[in-house]
Amino acid sequence: MSSKTPGVIWTHNDDSDDPFLFAVHTNGSLLARFYHFSSLNDVEDMALGPGPSNGVSYLYLGDIGGKFSANEVRSSVRVLRIPEPTVSLSWASNPHLFDSFANVQSFTLTYPDGSFDAETLMLDPVTADLFVGTKQNNSTRIYRVNLNSATNNQTLLMTHVATVSFDDASGGAISANGGRIILRNEDEARMWIRCEGETVAQALARGSFAIPVIGRPTELNGEAIAFLPDGTGYITISDSTIQPPIYLFPALCSLTAIGTEITQNPQSVQVGAGTDVQFTAQASGTNLTYQWRFNNADIPGANSPTLLLTNVQPSQTGAYTLFVSGDGGTALSSAATLGVTILPPIIVAQPPPISLAAMGRTAQLTVHVQGTPPFTFSWTLNKRPIIATGPTLTLPNLQKANAGKYRVVVSNSAGQAVSGETQLKVLIAPALFINPLSQTTSVGGKVSLKAKAKGSPKIAYQWYFNNAPLAGAIKPQLVFKGVQPAQAGNYFVVVSNAVGIVTSSTAGVVIQ
């Protein structure tokens, strides 16, 4: 059926008859006759639709059958591609005999896996893929090729994409919107529904349903079948040496408007706050658009079958639905309820029972919390509230007053959690407040060098004589009795703890 000239049906001679193409009015009258000047063996079917040039309609003539009525199998077939000519709806205004087409292109198509007889040629208007369907008992093998980028007289390898349980296919068609597919033989026809985004092979993999044809004995050699361009039905015509009738079958509903239907509803979920949630729904129909709604209000940008919500919060509790619009009307999914549970706080990490930090430095105490925000943090020092409202307590320039026992209470509307107690100890580097003094004594006399320091934690002393450490001299006071000349020299003490180190002044010892 021509979409370029409404009311025109294109048909052809079969088998070894003269290579004519005919333009026929839907009332059965002959409008024009063209000669394609091609040496063909067995033209069995034709298709009409898009091709390499945008906006141009092409006729595809399928030399795909057995040679000269012998039902032979072939390893390759031929297809002619012809720009559809303009035809008037008046016989007197059209070419009648031996008028040729312009710009006829020929392609050789090779089967990848054997030799076959075929009588079905279909064109997908969505992808411009061409399909050849074999004629076999009990099954029809479907092969695909795309000619859009092919050049004249090129040989192309077809791809086997489907095998359909259908006997002796003699013709087929795909609707103008690509949403329906038909295969027929002499006695029956079946239709497949193709959903948006599906390939022809995916549609053929599903079940089909029977549609009416006249069949034998009234319609002998019934082979051709085609959709009306406006989707209001389909026509059939048989192979006959006399004028065969054209049968019109109105559609129960527009074939260009496959009913929009929800095939899978989204499911309700109950999750904790902060979780990611995904709702999915599916619909069938053609030219579908999607819009998710929350409590009956459109969600901006939510225009696919899947809705992803990240880090959900209690404010997102409610009903979610998917509104689908297509050629066949609109559909609304059932509501999926999202429940968001407010989880009480749980402290999953906290400071150790004892924390050490040096005076003058900065100390930090941190808790890590799980649950549903927002949280409130209440810190205490020695059970008394302090000004601190976050998960991390920062204490700069530590002083003795900062030492003590810290704890935090974390709360939200669902409950509270109390951290363990952390004792912060402020460490003080050693400081000398008594330095050793120089002394003079005589041989055999006594020397007493004394130093005194304070600090936290515990401090250690180490005395030095002439810059060398004195073994065992680790007390604040260094005493020598019965001194000898060899003990004369310079003495100092090094005081240290975990925080720091300090060296005393040097005390000279003179022995006379």
Protein backbone atom coordinates (compact mmCIF):
# COMPACT_ATOMS: atom_id res chain seq x y z
CA MET A 1 0.00 0.00 0.00
CA SER A 2 1.37 3.37 -1.04
CA SER A 3 1.86 6.03 1.62
CA LYS A 4 3.00 8.48 -1.05
CA THR A 5 -0.24 8.26 -3.04
CA PRO A 6 -3.20 7.22 -0.84
CA GLY A 7 -5.48 4.78 -2.62
CA VAL A 8 -2.68 3.07 -4.62
CA ILE A 9 -1.81 -0.61 -4.21
CA TRP A 10 1.46 -1.88 -5.69
CA THR A 11 1.56 -5.48 -6.91
CA HIS A 12 3.64 -7.63 -9.26
CA ASN A 13 3.72 -10.68 -11.50
CA ASP A 14 4.75 -13.95 -9.89
CA ASP A 15 7.14 -16.68 -11.02
CA SER A 16 8.26 -16.53 -14.69
CA ASP A 17 5.67 -14.10 -15.98
CA ASP A 18 6.73 -10.84 -17.53
CA PRO A 19 8.57 -8.53 -15.10
CA PHE A 20 5.79 -6.01 -14.54
CA LEU A 21 4.84 -3.92 -11.56
CA PHE A 22 1.27 -2.66 -11.35
CA ALA A 23 -0.30 0.30 -9.61
CA VAL A 24 -3.88 -0.64 -8.72
CA HIS A 25 -6.62 1.50 -7.21
CA THR A 26 -8.20 0.27 -3.98
CA ASN A 27 -11.40 -0.12 -6.00
CA GLY A 28 -9.60 -2.72 -8.15
CA SER A 29 -9.05 -0.63 -11.28
CA LEU A 30 -5.62 -0.66 -12.95
CA LEU A 31 -3.86 2.70 -12.77
CA ALA A 32 -0.38 2.13 -14.24
CA ARG A 33 1.98 -0.59 -15.41
CA PHE A 34 5.79 -0.45 -15.23
CA TYR A 35 8.50 -2.65 -16.66
CA HIS A 36 11.58 -2.93 -14.47
CA PHE A 37 13.95 -4.34 -17.15
CA SER A 38 15.57 -6.81 -14.77
CA SER A 39 16.33 -10.45 -15.38
CA LEU A 40 14.70 -12.09 -12.38
CA ASN A 41 13.90 -15.71 -11.58
CA ASP A 42 10.96 -15.74 -9.19
CA VAL A 43 9.52 -12.56 -7.71
CA GLU A 44 7.45 -13.66 -4.71
CA ASP A 45 6.85 -10.59 -2.56
CA MET A 46 7.46 -6.87 -2.32
CA ALA A 47 7.69 -4.26 0.40
CA LEU A 48 7.42 -0.50 0.59
CA GLY A 49 9.03 1.94 2.98
CA PRO A 50 12.09 4.04 3.84
CA GLY A 51 15.55 3.77 2.34
CA PRO A 52 18.84 5.64 2.03
CA SER A 53 17.33 9.08 1.31
CA ASN A 54 15.27 10.77 4.00
CA GLY A 55 11.68 11.40 3.07
CA VAL A 56 11.81 9.11 0.03
CA SER A 57 9.58 6.04 -0.24
CA TYR A 58 11.06 2.98 -1.96
CA LEU A 59 9.66 -0.18 -3.53
CA TYR A 60 11.56 -3.38 -2.69
CA LEU A 61 10.99 -6.23 -5.14
CA GLY A 62 11.97 -9.67 -3.84
CA ASP A 63 13.34 -12.24 -6.31
CA ILE A 64 13.47 -14.78 -3.49
CA GLY A 65 11.53 -17.86 -4.67
CA GLY A 66 12.48 -21.11 -6.40
CA LYS A 67 13.58 -20.88 -10.04
CA PHE A 68 10.83 -20.82 -12.64
CA SER A 69 8.10 -22.42 -10.53
CA ALA A 70 10.30 -25.38 -9.60
CA ASN A 71 10.33 -24.55 -5.87
CA GLU A 72 14.07 -24.93 -5.87
CA VAL A 73 16.13 -23.78 -2.92
CA ARG A 74 18.65 -21.00 -3.37
CA SER A 75 21.75 -19.99 -1.42
CA SER A 76 21.27 -16.36 -2.43
CA VAL A 77 18.43 -14.13 -3.58
CA ARG A 78 18.04 -10.76 -5.26
CA VAL A 79 16.21 -7.61 -4.23
CA LEU A 80 15.51 -4.56 -6.40
CA ARG A 81 15.15 -1.14 -4.77
CA ILE A 82 13.15 1.40 -6.75
CA PRO A 83 12.18 4.95 -5.70
CA GLU A 84 8.39 4.91 -5.62
CA PRO A 85 7.04 6.89 -8.58
CA THR A 86 4.14 9.28 -8.35
CA VAL A 87 0.95 7.72 -9.65
CA SER A 88 -2.28 9.49 -10.46
CA LEU A 89 -5.58 7.92 -9.46
CA SER A 90 -6.61 8.06 -13.13
CA TRP A 91 -5.55 5.47 -15.75
CA ALA A 92 -5.43 8.12 -18.45
CA SER A 93 -2.82 10.14 -16.56
CA ASN A 94 -0.35 7.27 -15.97
CA PRO A 95 2.11 5.20 -18.03
CA HIS A 96 0.52 2.04 -19.38
CA LEU A 97 2.99 -0.32 -20.97
CA PHE A 98 6.76 -0.84 -21.14
CA ASP A 99 7.43 2.32 -19.18
CA SER A 100 10.50 1.77 -17.02
CA PHE A 101 11.41 2.90 -13.53
CA ALA A 102 14.30 5.28 -12.90
CA ASN A 103 17.21 4.56 -10.57
CA VAL A 104 16.61 0.83 -10.13
CA GLN A 105 19.24 -0.77 -7.87
CA SER A 106 19.92 -4.48 -7.50
CA PHE A 107 21.36 -6.34 -4.48
CA THR A 108 22.34 -9.97 -3.99
CA LEU A 109 21.56 -11.32 -0.52
CA THR A 110 23.27 -14.49 0.69
CA TYR A 111 22.00 -16.89 3.35
CA PRO A 112 24.63 -17.56 6.05
CA ASP A 113 23.57 -21.14 6.78
CA GLY A 114 22.09 -22.94 3.80
CA SER A 115 19.77 -22.78 0.80
CA PHE A 116 16.05 -22.03 0.99
CA ASP A 117 12.88 -21.26 -0.90
CA ALA A 118 11.30 -18.01 0.31
CA GLU A 119 8.12 -16.05 -0.40
CA THR A 120 8.10 -13.35 2.31
CA LEU A 121 9.74 -9.93 2.09
CA MET A 122 9.13 -7.35 4.86
CA LEU A 123 10.56 -3.90 5.61
CA ASP A 124 10.81 -2.44 9.11
CA PRO A 125 9.83 1.26 8.91
CA VAL A 126 11.56 1.92 12.23
CA THR A 127 15.06 0.69 11.30
CA ALA A 128 14.78 0.27 7.49
CA ASP A 129 15.89 -3.35 7.98
CA LEU A 130 14.76 -5.75 5.27
CA PHE A 131 13.58 -9.25 6.24
CA VAL A 132 13.36 -12.42 4.13
CA GLY A 133 11.11 -15.22 5.42
CA THR A 134 11.63 -18.77 4.16
CA LYS A 135 8.84 -21.10 3.07
CA GLN A 136 9.14 -24.39 4.93
CA ASN A 137 6.93 -26.96 6.56
CA ASN A 138 6.26 -26.19 10.24
CA SER A 139 8.58 -23.19 10.54
CA THR A 140 9.65 -19.91 8.94
CA ARG A 141 13.24 -18.72 9.22
CA ILE A 142 13.64 -14.94 9.32
CA TYR A 143 16.78 -13.29 7.90
CA ARG A 144 17.72 -9.62 8.24
CA VAL A 145 19.82 -7.19 6.16
CA ASN A 146 20.04 -3.41 5.90
CA LEU A 147 20.53 -1.84 2.47
CA ASN A 148 20.72 1.83 3.43
CA SER A 149 24.48 2.09 2.96
CA ALA A 150 24.73 -0.60 0.26
CA THR A 151 25.70 0.23 -3.32
CA ASN A 152 24.18 -0.99 -6.57
CA ASN A 153 25.01 -4.64 -7.45
CA GLN A 154 26.57 -5.24 -4.03
CA THR A 155 26.43 -8.69 -2.43
CA LEU A 156 25.49 -8.74 1.26
CA LEU A 157 25.37 -11.51 3.85
CA MET A 158 22.07 -11.80 5.69
CA THR A 159 21.78 -12.59 9.41
CA HIS A 160 19.43 -15.24 10.79
CA VAL A 161 17.48 -13.50 13.57
CA ALA A 162 14.44 -15.69 14.30
CA THR A 163 12.66 -18.95 13.60
CA VAL A 164 8.87 -18.79 13.83
CA SER A 165 6.54 -21.76 14.22
CA PHE A 166 4.50 -20.99 11.10
CA ASP A 167 3.91 -23.32 8.16
CA ASP A 168 4.59 -22.48 4.48
CA ALA A 169 4.74 -18.68 4.82
CA SER A 170 3.72 -17.08 1.52
CA GLY A 171 3.75 -13.42 2.49
CA GLY A 172 4.23 -10.96 5.30
CA ALA A 173 4.10 -7.30 6.27
CA ILE A 174 5.01 -4.83 9.00
CA SER A 175 2.63 -1.99 9.81
CA ALA A 176 3.52 1.62 8.97
CA ASN A 177 4.44 2.40 12.57
CA GLY A 178 6.35 -0.86 13.05
CA GLY A 179 4.03 -1.99 15.85
CA ARG A 180 2.44 -5.04 14.20
CA ILE A 181 3.83 -7.91 12.13
CA ILE A 182 1.86 -10.35 9.94
CA LEU A 183 2.77 -13.68 8.34
CA ARG A 184 0.33 -15.55 6.13
CA ASN A 185 -0.04 -18.70 4.03
CA GLU A 186 -2.88 -19.87 1.81
CA ASP A 187 -5.21 -20.65 4.69
CA GLU A 188 -4.30 -18.57 7.73
CA ALA A 189 -2.50 -15.51 9.03
CA ARG A 190 -1.04 -14.59 12.39
CA MET A 191 -0.15 -11.26 13.97
CA TRP A 192 2.58 -10.31 16.45
CA ILE A 193 2.54 -7.22 18.66
CA ARG A 194 5.82 -5.30 18.77
CA CYS A 195 6.41 -3.10 21.81
CA GLU A 196 8.27 0.20 21.68
CA GLY A 197 12.02 -0.28 21.64
CA GLU A 198 11.83 -3.92 20.57
CA THR A 199 13.46 -5.41 17.52
CA VAL A 200 11.42 -7.43 15.04
CA ALA A 201 13.18 -10.56 16.27
CA GLN A 202 12.20 -9.83 19.88
CA ALA A 203 8.57 -9.36 18.88
CA LEU A 204 8.53 -12.61 16.87
CA ALA A 205 9.90 -14.49 19.88
CA ARG A 206 6.61 -13.90 21.72
CA GLY A 207 3.24 -15.46 21.04
CA SER A 208 0.98 -14.42 18.17
CA PHE A 209 -2.75 -14.50 17.51
CA ALA A 210 -4.79 -15.52 14.48
CA ILE A 211 -6.29 -12.91 12.18
CA PRO A 212 -8.77 -13.65 9.38
CA VAL A 213 -7.98 -14.30 5.71
CA ILE A 214 -10.32 -15.74 3.06
CA GLY A 215 -8.23 -18.84 2.34
CA ARG A 216 -8.96 -21.83 0.17
CA PRO A 217 -11.02 -22.71 -1.78
CA THR A 218 -12.33 -19.16 -2.29
CA GLU A 219 -8.89 -17.53 -2.40
CA LEU A 220 -6.59 -19.99 -4.15
CA ASN A 221 -2.87 -19.27 -3.98
CA GLY A 222 -3.42 -16.56 -1.41
CA GLU A 223 -0.01 -14.96 -1.02
CA ALA A 224 0.04 -11.17 -0.69
CA ILE A 225 -0.86 -9.27 2.45
CA ALA A 226 -0.28 -5.61 3.37
CA PHE A 227 -1.29 -3.12 6.04
CA LEU A 228 -3.26 -0.01 5.16
CA PRO A 229 -1.03 3.06 5.68
CA ASP A 230 -3.50 4.68 8.07
CA GLY A 231 -3.68 1.59 10.26
CA THR A 232 -7.38 0.93 9.75
CA GLY A 233 -6.88 -2.64 8.55
CA TYR A 234 -5.08 -4.82 6.01
CA ILE A 235 -5.66 -6.25 2.53
CA THR A 236 -4.94 -9.60 0.84
CA ILE A 237 -4.63 -10.63 -2.80
CA SER A 238 -3.98 -13.98 -4.45
CA ASP A 239 -1.76 -15.28 -7.27
CA SER A 240 -4.05 -15.79 -10.26
CA THR A 241 -4.01 -15.68 -14.07
CA ILE A 242 -7.32 -13.86 -14.00
CA GLN A 243 -8.17 -10.70 -12.16
CA PRO A 244 -7.87 -11.67 -8.48
CA PRO A 245 -10.07 -9.90 -5.96
CA ILE A 246 -8.66 -7.62 -3.28
CA TYR A 247 -9.98 -8.39 0.19
CA LEU A 248 -10.10 -5.71 2.87
CA PHE A 249 -10.10 -6.61 6.56
CA PRO A 250 -10.91 -3.67 8.86
CA ALA A 251 -9.00 -3.62 12.12
CA LEU A 252 -10.87 -3.88 15.41
CA CYS A 253 -8.74 -0.94 16.57
CA SER A 254 -6.30 1.31 14.78
CA LEU A 255 -3.10 -0.53 13.95
CA THR A 256 -1.20 2.72 14.34
CA ALA A 257 -2.42 3.02 17.88
CA ILE A 258 -1.61 -0.08 19.87
CA GLY A 259 -3.47 0.23 23.15
CA THR A 260 -1.36 1.69 25.94
CA GLU A 261 -1.33 -0.74 28.83
CA ILE A 262 0.58 -1.14 32.09
CA THR A 263 2.15 -4.61 32.04
CA GLN A 264 4.09 -4.36 35.31
CA ASN A 265 3.21 -2.19 38.28
CA PRO A 266 5.76 -0.72 40.72
CA GLN A 267 6.01 -2.42 44.11
CA SER A 268 5.67 -0.80 47.54
CA VAL A 269 8.72 -0.73 49.81
CA GLN A 270 9.52 0.13 53.42
CA VAL A 271 13.10 1.27 54.01
CA GLY A 272 15.20 3.13 56.49
CA ALA A 273 15.98 6.77 55.86
CA GLY A 274 19.12 7.33 53.82
CA THR A 275 18.53 4.26 51.64
CA ASP A 276 18.42 4.34 47.81
CA VAL A 277 15.08 3.17 46.36
CA GLN A 278 14.21 2.18 42.77
CA PHE A 279 10.68 1.86 41.38
CA THR A 280 10.15 0.12 38.03
CA ALA A 281 7.06 -0.22 35.87
CA GLN A 282 6.54 -1.49 32.33
CA ALA A 283 4.00 -0.65 29.66
CA SER A 284 3.10 -1.79 26.15
CA GLY A 285 2.04 0.41 23.26
CA THR A 286 3.56 2.66 20.63
CA ASN A 287 5.32 6.02 20.93
CA LEU A 288 5.20 5.85 24.70
CA THR A 289 6.13 8.69 27.02
CA TYR A 290 6.54 8.34 30.78
CA GLN A 291 5.92 10.58 33.77
CA TRP A 292 6.37 9.53 37.39
CA ARG A 293 4.14 11.16 39.98
CA PHE A 294 4.49 11.59 43.75
CA ASN A 295 1.19 11.96 45.56
CA ASN A 296 -0.41 12.77 42.16
CA ALA A 297 2.08 15.56 41.35
CA ASP A 298 4.55 15.20 38.47
CA ILE A 299 8.18 14.61 39.44
CA PRO A 300 10.33 16.87 37.21
CA GLY A 301 12.71 14.91 34.98
CA ALA A 302 11.29 11.49 35.94
CA ASN A 303 10.49 10.37 32.38
CA SER A 304 11.61 6.75 32.07
CA PRO A 305 10.15 3.40 33.19
CA THR A 306 12.51 3.41 36.20
CA LEU A 307 12.53 5.95 39.04
CA LEU A 308 15.62 6.11 41.27
CA LEU A 309 15.41 7.91 44.60
CA THR A 310 18.69 8.34 46.45
CA ASN A 311 19.13 8.92 50.18
CA VAL A 312 15.37 8.89 50.83
CA GLN A 313 14.05 10.91 53.74
CA PRO A 314 10.74 10.86 55.68
CA SER A 315 9.47 13.76 53.57
CA GLN A 316 9.42 11.39 50.57
CA THR A 317 6.96 9.00 52.20
CA GLY A 318 3.89 8.63 49.99
CA ALA A 319 2.41 7.15 46.80
CA TYR A 320 4.34 6.84 43.53
CA THR A 321 2.64 6.16 40.19
CA LEU A 322 3.74 6.04 36.56
CA PHE A 323 1.59 7.82 33.98
CA VAL A 324 2.13 6.49 30.44
CA SER A 325 0.90 8.14 27.25
CA GLY A 326 1.06 6.69 23.73
CA ASP A 327 -0.66 6.45 20.38
CA GLY A 328 -3.20 4.09 21.93
CA GLY A 329 -4.18 6.34 24.82
CA THR A 330 -2.98 6.69 28.38
CA ALA A 331 -2.51 4.37 31.33
CA LEU A 332 -1.75 4.86 35.01
CA SER A 333 0.02 2.29 37.13
CA SER A 334 -1.21 1.28 40.53
CA ALA A 335 0.34 3.23 43.38
CA ALA A 336 3.50 2.00 45.04
CA THR A 337 3.84 3.24 48.59
CA LEU A 338 7.21 4.31 49.92
CA GLY A 339 7.53 4.06 53.67
CA VAL A 340 10.58 5.67 55.25
CA THR A 341 11.43 4.53 58.76
CA ILE A 342 13.18 7.00 61.09
CA LEU A 343 16.01 5.01 62.64
CA PRO A 344 17.28 5.93 66.12
CA PRO A 345 20.93 6.92 66.39
CA ILE A 346 23.55 4.24 66.88
CA ILE A 347 27.11 5.20 67.81
CA VAL A 348 29.35 2.97 65.69
CA ALA A 349 32.71 4.56 66.55
CA GLN A 350 33.90 6.67 69.48
CA PRO A 351 37.11 7.81 71.22
CA PRO A 352 39.01 5.30 73.39
CA PRO A 353 38.44 5.27 77.16
CA ILE A 354 41.65 7.26 77.68
CA SER A 355 42.86 10.01 75.37
CA LEU A 356 46.20 11.79 75.74
CA ALA A 357 47.11 15.22 74.39
CA ALA A 358 49.86 17.72 75.13
CA MET A 359 49.23 21.07 76.72
CA GLY A 360 49.00 23.84 74.15
CA ARG A 361 48.09 21.43 71.38
CA THR A 362 44.62 20.72 69.90
CA ALA A 363 42.62 17.64 70.88
CA GLN A 364 39.62 16.21 69.01
CA LEU A 365 37.03 13.72 70.23
CA THR A 366 34.77 12.28 67.49
CA VAL A 367 31.80 9.93 67.36
CA HIS A 368 30.41 8.30 64.18
CA VAL A 369 26.66 7.80 64.12
CA GLN A 370 24.21 5.80 62.01
CA GLY A 371 20.47 6.37 61.90
CA THR A 372 18.15 8.99 60.51
CA PRO A 373 19.34 12.60 60.64
CA PRO A 374 19.06 15.27 61.85
CA PHE A 375 20.92 14.46 65.06
CA THR A 376 21.48 16.54 68.19
CA PHE A 377 24.84 16.22 69.96
CA SER A 378 25.16 17.17 73.65
CA TRP A 379 28.70 16.95 75.10
CA THR A 380 29.56 16.97 78.80
CA LEU A 381 32.79 17.35 80.79
CA ASN A 382 32.75 15.72 84.19
CA LYS A 383 28.94 15.42 83.79
CA ARG A 384 28.53 19.14 83.17
CA PRO A 385 27.25 20.46 79.80
CA ILE A 386 29.74 22.24 77.59
CA ILE A 387 29.24 24.26 74.43
CA ALA A 388 29.62 21.67 71.67
CA THR A 389 26.88 20.55 69.22
CA GLY A 390 28.55 18.42 66.56
CA PRO A 391 29.92 14.89 66.20
CA THR A 392 33.46 16.22 66.75
CA LEU A 393 34.53 18.10 69.87
CA THR A 394 37.57 20.28 69.18
CA LEU A 395 39.67 21.59 72.08
CA PRO A 396 42.38 24.03 70.92
CA ASN A 397 45.33 25.21 73.07
CA LEU A 398 44.83 22.56 75.73
CA GLN A 399 45.18 23.54 79.37
CA LYS A 400 44.90 21.66 82.64
CA ALA A 401 41.27 22.75 82.91
CA ASN A 402 40.46 20.71 79.82
CA ALA A 403 41.43 17.46 81.49
CA GLY A 404 38.56 15.27 82.64
CA LYS A 405 35.86 12.81 81.61
CA TYR A 406 33.96 13.52 78.38
CA ARG A 407 30.73 11.98 77.07
CA VAL A 408 28.20 12.81 74.33
CA VAL A 409 24.48 12.10 74.01
CA VAL A 410 23.23 11.77 70.39
CA SER A 411 19.48 12.05 69.80
CA ASN A 412 16.82 12.33 67.10
CA SER A 413 13.04 12.00 67.06
CA ALA A 414 13.30 8.20 67.32
CA GLY A 415 15.57 7.98 70.37
CA GLN A 416 19.04 8.63 71.70
CA ALA A 417 22.43 6.99 72.17
CA VAL A 418 25.04 7.72 74.85
CA SER A 419 28.71 7.32 74.14
CA GLY A 420 31.17 5.69 76.46
CA GLU A 421 33.18 7.87 78.81
CA THR A 422 36.51 9.17 77.55
CA GLN A 423 39.08 10.48 80.01
CA LEU A 424 41.21 13.19 78.47
CA LYS A 425 44.61 13.56 80.09
CA VAL A 426 46.49 16.77 79.38
CA LEU A 427 50.20 16.04 79.19
CA ILE A 428 52.71 18.67 80.38
CA ALA A 429 56.26 18.85 79.13
CA PRO A 430 58.91 18.92 81.89
CA ALA A 431 59.97 22.32 83.25
CA LEU A 432 63.00 22.88 85.53
CA PHE A 433 62.50 25.17 88.49
CA ILE A 434 65.78 24.26 90.29
CA ASN A 435 69.03 24.04 88.32
CA PRO A 436 72.30 22.54 89.65
CA LEU A 437 74.83 25.06 91.04
CA SER A 438 78.61 25.12 90.55
CA GLN A 439 80.66 23.97 93.53
CA THR A 440 84.29 24.01 94.79
CA THR A 441 85.62 21.37 97.16
CA SER A 442 88.85 19.66 98.15
CA VAL A 443 90.06 16.15 97.43
CA GLY A 444 88.12 13.70 99.59
CA GLY A 445 85.29 16.15 100.05
CA LYS A 446 81.60 15.93 99.11
CA VAL A 447 79.72 17.30 96.10
CA SER A 448 75.91 17.52 95.89
CA LEU A 449 74.26 18.68 92.64
CA LYS A 450 70.50 19.11 92.73
CA ALA A 451 67.83 19.73 90.07
CA LYS A 452 64.07 19.77 90.34
CA ALA A 453 61.43 19.70 87.57
CA LYS A 454 57.74 19.17 87.15
CA GLY A 455 55.64 17.71 84.30
CA SER A 456 53.05 15.08 83.40
CA PRO A 457 53.29 12.19 82.83
CA LYS A 458 56.15 11.07 85.09
CA ILE A 459 59.48 12.67 84.28
CA ALA A 460 62.90 11.01 84.02
CA TYR A 461 66.38 12.41 84.92
CA GLN A 462 69.73 11.67 83.29
CA TRP A 463 72.93 13.38 84.50
CA TYR A 464 75.85 14.11 82.20
CA PHE A 465 79.55 14.70 83.01
CA ASN A 466 81.54 16.54 80.37
CA ASN A 467 78.73 15.77 77.87
CA ALA A 468 78.77 12.03 78.53
CA PRO A 469 75.89 10.30 80.36
CA LEU A 470 76.68 9.02 83.82
CA ALA A 471 75.58 5.43 84.30
CA GLY A 472 72.95 5.11 87.02
CA ALA A 473 72.70 8.86 87.56
CA ILE A 474 68.93 9.07 87.13
CA LYS A 475 67.74 10.87 90.24
CA PRO A 476 67.07 14.56 90.84
CA GLN A 477 70.15 14.80 93.08
CA LEU A 478 73.69 13.72 92.20
CA VAL A 479 75.99 13.20 95.23
CA PHE A 480 79.73 12.40 95.27
CA LYS A 481 81.65 11.56 98.48
CA GLY A 482 85.43 11.38 98.69
CA VAL A 483 85.81 13.21 95.46
CA GLN A 484 88.92 12.87 93.39
CA PRO A 485 90.57 15.25 90.94
CA ALA A 486 89.24 13.19 88.01
CA GLN A 487 85.68 14.16 88.97
CA ALA A 488 86.30 17.83 88.41
CA GLY A 489 84.45 19.15 85.34
CA ASN A 490 81.05 20.22 83.99
CA TYR A 491 77.78 18.61 85.01
CA PHE A 492 74.19 19.02 83.73
CA VAL A 493 70.96 17.00 83.80
CA VAL A 494 68.43 16.20 81.02
CA VAL A 495 64.81 15.90 82.16
CA SER A 496 62.23 14.25 79.86
CA ASN A 497 58.79 12.64 79.60
CA ALA A 498 56.46 11.53 76.79
CA VAL A 499 55.72 15.11 75.84
CA GLY A 500 59.07 16.87 75.87
CA ILE A 501 62.64 17.24 77.04
CA VAL A 502 64.59 19.99 78.84
CA THR A 503 68.28 20.42 79.72
CA SER A 504 69.50 22.13 82.87
CA SER A 505 72.19 24.77 83.07
CA THR A 506 75.76 23.51 83.47
CA ALA A 507 77.29 23.32 86.93
CA GLY A 508 81.09 23.35 87.23
CA VAL A 509 82.82 21.26 89.91
CA VAL A 510 86.29 22.46 91.01
CA ILE A 511 88.48 20.23 93.22
CA GLN A 512 91.44 21.89 94.98
